[in-house]
Amino acid sequence: MIRIFETRDIATCRALRRTVFIEEQGVSEADEVDDKDDEAIHLLATLNGEPVGSARLLVLGETGKIGRVCVLAQMRGTGLGAKLMQAAVDRFRAVPGVRQVKLGAQTHALGFYERLGFTAVGPEFDDAGIAHRNMVLTL
């Protein structure tokens, strides 16, 4: 059974991010680890109690920023990523004053986020050696 819930277990979220971003995608630890985890809302996805995905949410005034979205390789293509993103958007809908949701999408995933209602804005940019574009969703 898949569950997605808010957690303060940052160590588990970081372990998932290490697997996906550092080990699988080759992102440096310096680029992946920053000082924003303590101020963030963390969502954790589990399958039968085992961690399989996470996302980090930051409230920046009227904007909710979704970042560090990761799903373990064996769970990709199952719909978990879409469920995790919907949980993130729903969480921001519950925050008074948040009017839009923003994220930096790896360019290979633009279609995934577009199917969830996000629109690409601005030029492509490099983040940790990976091409990205900003995307927004108006709430």
C-alpha atoms as a PDB file:
ATOM      1  CA  MET A   1       0.000   0.000   0.000  1.00  0.00           C
ATOM      2  CA  ILE A   2       1.323   3.434  -0.985  1.00  0.00           C
ATOM      3  CA  ARG A   3       1.153   6.226   1.575  1.00  0.00           C
ATOM      4  CA  ILE A   4       2.254   9.847   1.138  1.00  0.00           C
ATOM      5  CA  PHE A   5       2.528  11.945   4.258  1.00  0.00           C
ATOM      6  CA  GLU A   6       4.291  14.907   5.816  1.00  0.00           C
ATOM      7  CA  THR A   7       7.376  13.944   7.801  1.00  0.00           C
ATOM      8  CA  ARG A   8      10.167  15.424   9.899  1.00  0.00           C
ATOM      9  CA  ASP A   9      12.330  12.384   9.099  1.00  0.00           C
ATOM     10  CA  ILE A  10      14.748  14.417   7.020  1.00  0.00           C
ATOM     11  CA  ALA A  11      17.402  11.679   7.196  1.00  0.00           C
ATOM     12  CA  THR A  12      15.170   9.265   5.263  1.00  0.00           C
ATOM     13  CA  CYS A  13      14.340  11.919   2.669  1.00  0.00           C
ATOM     14  CA  ARG A  14      18.047  12.719   2.275  1.00  0.00           C
ATOM     15  CA  ALA A  15      18.840   9.014   1.866  1.00  0.00           C
ATOM     16  CA  LEU A  16      16.315   8.778  -0.978  1.00  0.00           C
ATOM     17  CA  ARG A  17      17.724  11.926  -2.580  1.00  0.00           C
ATOM     18  CA  ARG A  18      21.268  10.541  -2.249  1.00  0.00           C
ATOM     19  CA  THR A  19      20.230   7.381  -4.099  1.00  0.00           C
ATOM     20  CA  VAL A  20      18.482   9.219  -6.935  1.00  0.00           C
ATOM     21  CA  PHE A  21      20.453  12.435  -7.349  1.00  0.00           C
ATOM     22  CA  ILE A  22      23.989  11.652  -6.177  1.00  0.00           C
ATOM     23  CA  GLU A  23      24.374   7.953  -6.960  1.00  0.00           C
ATOM     24  CA  GLU A  24      22.101   7.620  -9.995  1.00  0.00           C
ATOM     25  CA  GLN A  25      22.284  11.055 -11.649  1.00  0.00           C
ATOM     26  CA  GLY A  26      25.809  12.040 -10.613  1.00  0.00           C
ATOM     27  CA  VAL A  27      24.879  15.266  -8.821  1.00  0.00           C
ATOM     28  CA  SER A  28      27.593  16.355  -6.399  1.00  0.00           C
ATOM     29  CA  GLU A  29      26.827  16.237  -2.698  1.00  0.00           C
ATOM     30  CA  ALA A  30      27.633  19.961  -2.510  1.00  0.00           C
ATOM     31  CA  ASP A  31      24.859  20.652  -5.044  1.00  0.00           C
ATOM     32  CA  GLU A  32      22.310  18.314  -3.443  1.00  0.00           C
ATOM     33  CA  VAL A  33      22.715  19.194   0.243  1.00  0.00           C
ATOM     34  CA  ASP A  34      21.861  22.735   1.312  1.00  0.00           C
ATOM     35  CA  ASP A  35      20.594  24.594   4.380  1.00  0.00           C
ATOM     36  CA  LYS A  36      16.889  24.611   3.432  1.00  0.00           C
ATOM     37  CA  ASP A  37      15.825  21.203   4.793  1.00  0.00           C
ATOM     38  CA  ASP A  38      15.126  22.528   8.299  1.00  0.00           C
ATOM     39  CA  GLU A  39      12.683  25.177   7.044  1.00  0.00           C
ATOM     40  CA  ALA A  40      10.982  22.932   4.495  1.00  0.00           C
ATOM     41  CA  ILE A  41       7.887  20.745   4.539  1.00  0.00           C
ATOM     42  CA  HIS A  42       8.915  17.210   3.566  1.00  0.00           C
ATOM     43  CA  LEU A  43       6.630  14.670   1.941  1.00  0.00           C
ATOM     44  CA  LEU A  44       7.567  11.007   2.142  1.00  0.00           C
ATOM     45  CA  ALA A  45       6.091   8.242  -0.003  1.00  0.00           C
ATOM     46  CA  THR A  46       6.206   4.683   1.282  1.00  0.00           C
ATOM     47  CA  LEU A  47       5.216   1.344  -0.197  1.00  0.00           C
ATOM     48  CA  ASN A  48       4.263  -1.154   2.493  1.00  0.00           C
ATOM     49  CA  GLY A  49       6.186   0.974   4.985  1.00  0.00           C
ATOM     50  CA  GLU A  50       9.388   1.230   2.902  1.00  0.00           C
ATOM     51  CA  PRO A  51      10.493   4.696   1.689  1.00  0.00           C
ATOM     52  CA  VAL A  52      10.243   5.001  -2.105  1.00  0.00           C
ATOM     53  CA  GLY A  53       9.991   8.737  -2.821  1.00  0.00           C
ATOM     54  CA  SER A  54      10.041  12.217  -1.368  1.00  0.00           C
ATOM     55  CA  ALA A  55       9.587  15.901  -2.143  1.00  0.00           C
ATOM     56  CA  ARG A  56      10.620  19.097  -0.402  1.00  0.00           C
ATOM     57  CA  LEU A  57       8.244  22.070  -0.187  1.00  0.00           C
ATOM     58  CA  LEU A  58       9.210  25.644   0.599  1.00  0.00           C
ATOM     59  CA  VAL A  59       6.813  28.540   1.135  1.00  0.00           C
ATOM     60  CA  LEU A  60       8.229  31.733  -0.412  1.00  0.00           C
ATOM     61  CA  GLY A  61       5.590  34.399   0.106  1.00  0.00           C
ATOM     62  CA  GLU A  62       2.793  33.796  -2.429  1.00  0.00           C
ATOM     63  CA  THR A  63       4.780  31.011  -4.097  1.00  0.00           C
ATOM     64  CA  GLY A  64       5.088  27.401  -3.071  1.00  0.00           C
ATOM     65  CA  LYS A  65       8.309  25.850  -4.372  1.00  0.00           C
ATOM     66  CA  ILE A  66       8.496  22.106  -4.963  1.00  0.00           C
ATOM     67  CA  GLY A  67      11.992  20.694  -5.082  1.00  0.00           C
ATOM     68  CA  ARG A  68      14.118  17.614  -4.528  1.00  0.00           C
ATOM     69  CA  VAL A  69      11.361  15.409  -5.964  1.00  0.00           C
ATOM     70  CA  CYS A  70      12.665  11.862  -6.199  1.00  0.00           C
ATOM     71  CA  VAL A  71      11.213   8.418  -6.824  1.00  0.00           C
ATOM     72  CA  LEU A  72      13.298   5.257  -6.634  1.00  0.00           C
ATOM     73  CA  ALA A  73      13.959   3.647 -10.027  1.00  0.00           C
ATOM     74  CA  GLN A  74      11.830   0.569  -9.328  1.00  0.00           C
ATOM     75  CA  MET A  75       8.790   2.794  -8.657  1.00  0.00           C
ATOM     76  CA  ARG A  76       9.014   4.976 -11.763  1.00  0.00           C
ATOM     77  CA  GLY A  77       6.182   4.484 -14.202  1.00  0.00           C
ATOM     78  CA  THR A  78       3.771   3.372 -11.464  1.00  0.00           C
ATOM     79  CA  GLY A  79       2.026   6.728 -11.022  1.00  0.00           C
ATOM     80  CA  LEU A  80       3.793   7.405  -7.719  1.00  0.00           C
ATOM     81  CA  GLY A  81       5.471  10.549  -9.023  1.00  0.00           C
ATOM     82  CA  ALA A  82       2.125  12.029 -10.062  1.00  0.00           C
ATOM     83  CA  LYS A  83       0.615  11.156  -6.682  1.00  0.00           C
ATOM     84  CA  LEU A  84       3.566  12.752  -4.889  1.00  0.00           C
ATOM     85  CA  MET A  85       3.209  15.912  -6.979  1.00  0.00           C
ATOM     86  CA  GLN A  86      -0.553  16.067  -6.381  1.00  0.00           C
ATOM     87  CA  ALA A  87       0.061  15.739  -2.632  1.00  0.00           C
ATOM     88  CA  ALA A  88       2.548  18.619  -2.846  1.00  0.00           C
ATOM     89  CA  VAL A  89       0.131  20.865  -4.745  1.00  0.00           C
ATOM     90  CA  ASP A  90      -2.683  19.975  -2.335  1.00  0.00           C
ATOM     91  CA  ARG A  91      -0.414  20.830   0.613  1.00  0.00           C
ATOM     92  CA  PHE A  92       0.241  24.283  -0.865  1.00  0.00           C
ATOM     93  CA  ARG A  93      -3.495  24.816  -1.441  1.00  0.00           C
ATOM     94  CA  ALA A  94      -3.834  24.543   2.350  1.00  0.00           C
ATOM     95  CA  VAL A  95      -1.326  27.372   2.962  1.00  0.00           C
ATOM     96  CA  PRO A  96      -3.078  30.761   3.213  1.00  0.00           C
ATOM     97  CA  GLY A  97      -1.756  33.257   0.667  1.00  0.00           C
ATOM     98  CA  VAL A  98       0.012  30.793  -1.633  1.00  0.00           C
ATOM     99  CA  ARG A  99      -1.223  31.591  -5.144  1.00  0.00           C
ATOM    100  CA  GLN A 100       1.154  29.651  -7.362  1.00  0.00           C
ATOM    101  CA  VAL A 101       3.434  26.637  -7.277  1.00  0.00           C
ATOM    102  CA  LYS A 102       6.853  26.705  -8.911  1.00  0.00           C
ATOM    103  CA  LEU A 103       9.477  24.063  -9.619  1.00  0.00           C
ATOM    104  CA  GLY A 104      12.662  23.591 -11.601  1.00  0.00           C
ATOM    105  CA  ALA A 105      12.092  20.571 -13.859  1.00  0.00           C
ATOM    106  CA  GLN A 106      14.766  18.503 -15.503  1.00  0.00           C
ATOM    107  CA  THR A 107      14.060  19.028 -19.196  1.00  0.00           C
ATOM    108  CA  HIS A 108      13.497  15.326 -19.857  1.00  0.00           C
ATOM    109  CA  ALA A 109      10.559  15.503 -17.378  1.00  0.00           C
ATOM    110  CA  LEU A 110       8.791  18.560 -18.822  1.00  0.00           C
ATOM    111  CA  GLY A 111       5.980  16.459 -20.304  1.00  0.00           C
ATOM    112  CA  PHE A 112       5.362  14.782 -16.942  1.00  0.00           C
ATOM    113  CA  TYR A 113       4.871  18.136 -15.210  1.00  0.00           C
ATOM    114  CA  GLU A 114       2.836  19.563 -18.106  1.00  0.00           C
ATOM    115  CA  ARG A 115       0.383  16.664 -17.756  1.00  0.00           C
ATOM    116  CA  LEU A 116      -0.025  17.737 -14.116  1.00  0.00           C
ATOM    117  CA  GLY A 117      -0.978  21.274 -15.177  1.00  0.00           C
ATOM    118  CA  PHE A 118       2.395  23.037 -14.931  1.00  0.00           C
ATOM    119  CA  THR A 119       3.572  25.430 -17.661  1.00  0.00           C
ATOM    120  CA  ALA A 120       7.221  25.937 -18.598  1.00  0.00           C
ATOM    121  CA  VAL A 121       8.428  29.543 -18.285  1.00  0.00           C
ATOM    122  CA  GLY A 122      11.711  31.188 -19.101  1.00  0.00           C
ATOM    123  CA  PRO A 123      14.826  29.759 -20.702  1.00  0.00           C
ATOM    124  CA  GLU A 124      16.569  26.454 -20.054  1.00  0.00           C
ATOM    125  CA  PHE A 125      19.230  26.633 -17.325  1.00  0.00           C
ATOM    126  CA  ASP A 126      21.865  24.373 -15.825  1.00  0.00           C
ATOM    127  CA  ASP A 127      21.400  23.074 -12.283  1.00  0.00           C
ATOM    128  CA  ALA A 128      24.074  20.704 -10.987  1.00  0.00           C
ATOM    129  CA  GLY A 129      25.085  19.848 -14.546  1.00  0.00           C
ATOM    130  CA  ILE A 130      21.526  18.919 -15.602  1.00  0.00           C
ATOM    131  CA  ALA A 131      19.355  20.980 -17.990  1.00  0.00           C
ATOM    132  CA  HIS A 132      16.245  22.411 -16.284  1.00  0.00           C
ATOM    133  CA  ARG A 133      13.373  24.803 -16.939  1.00  0.00           C
ATOM    134  CA  ASN A 134      11.211  26.618 -14.446  1.00  0.00           C
ATOM    135  CA  MET A 135       7.561  25.608 -14.390  1.00  0.00           C
ATOM    136  CA  VAL A 136       4.551  27.202 -12.699  1.00  0.00           C
ATOM    137  CA  LEU A 137       1.019  26.244 -11.745  1.00  0.00           C
ATOM    138  CA  THR A 138      -1.522  28.876 -10.694  1.00  0.00           C
ATOM    139  CA  LEU A 139      -3.690  27.769  -7.774  1.00  0.00           C
END
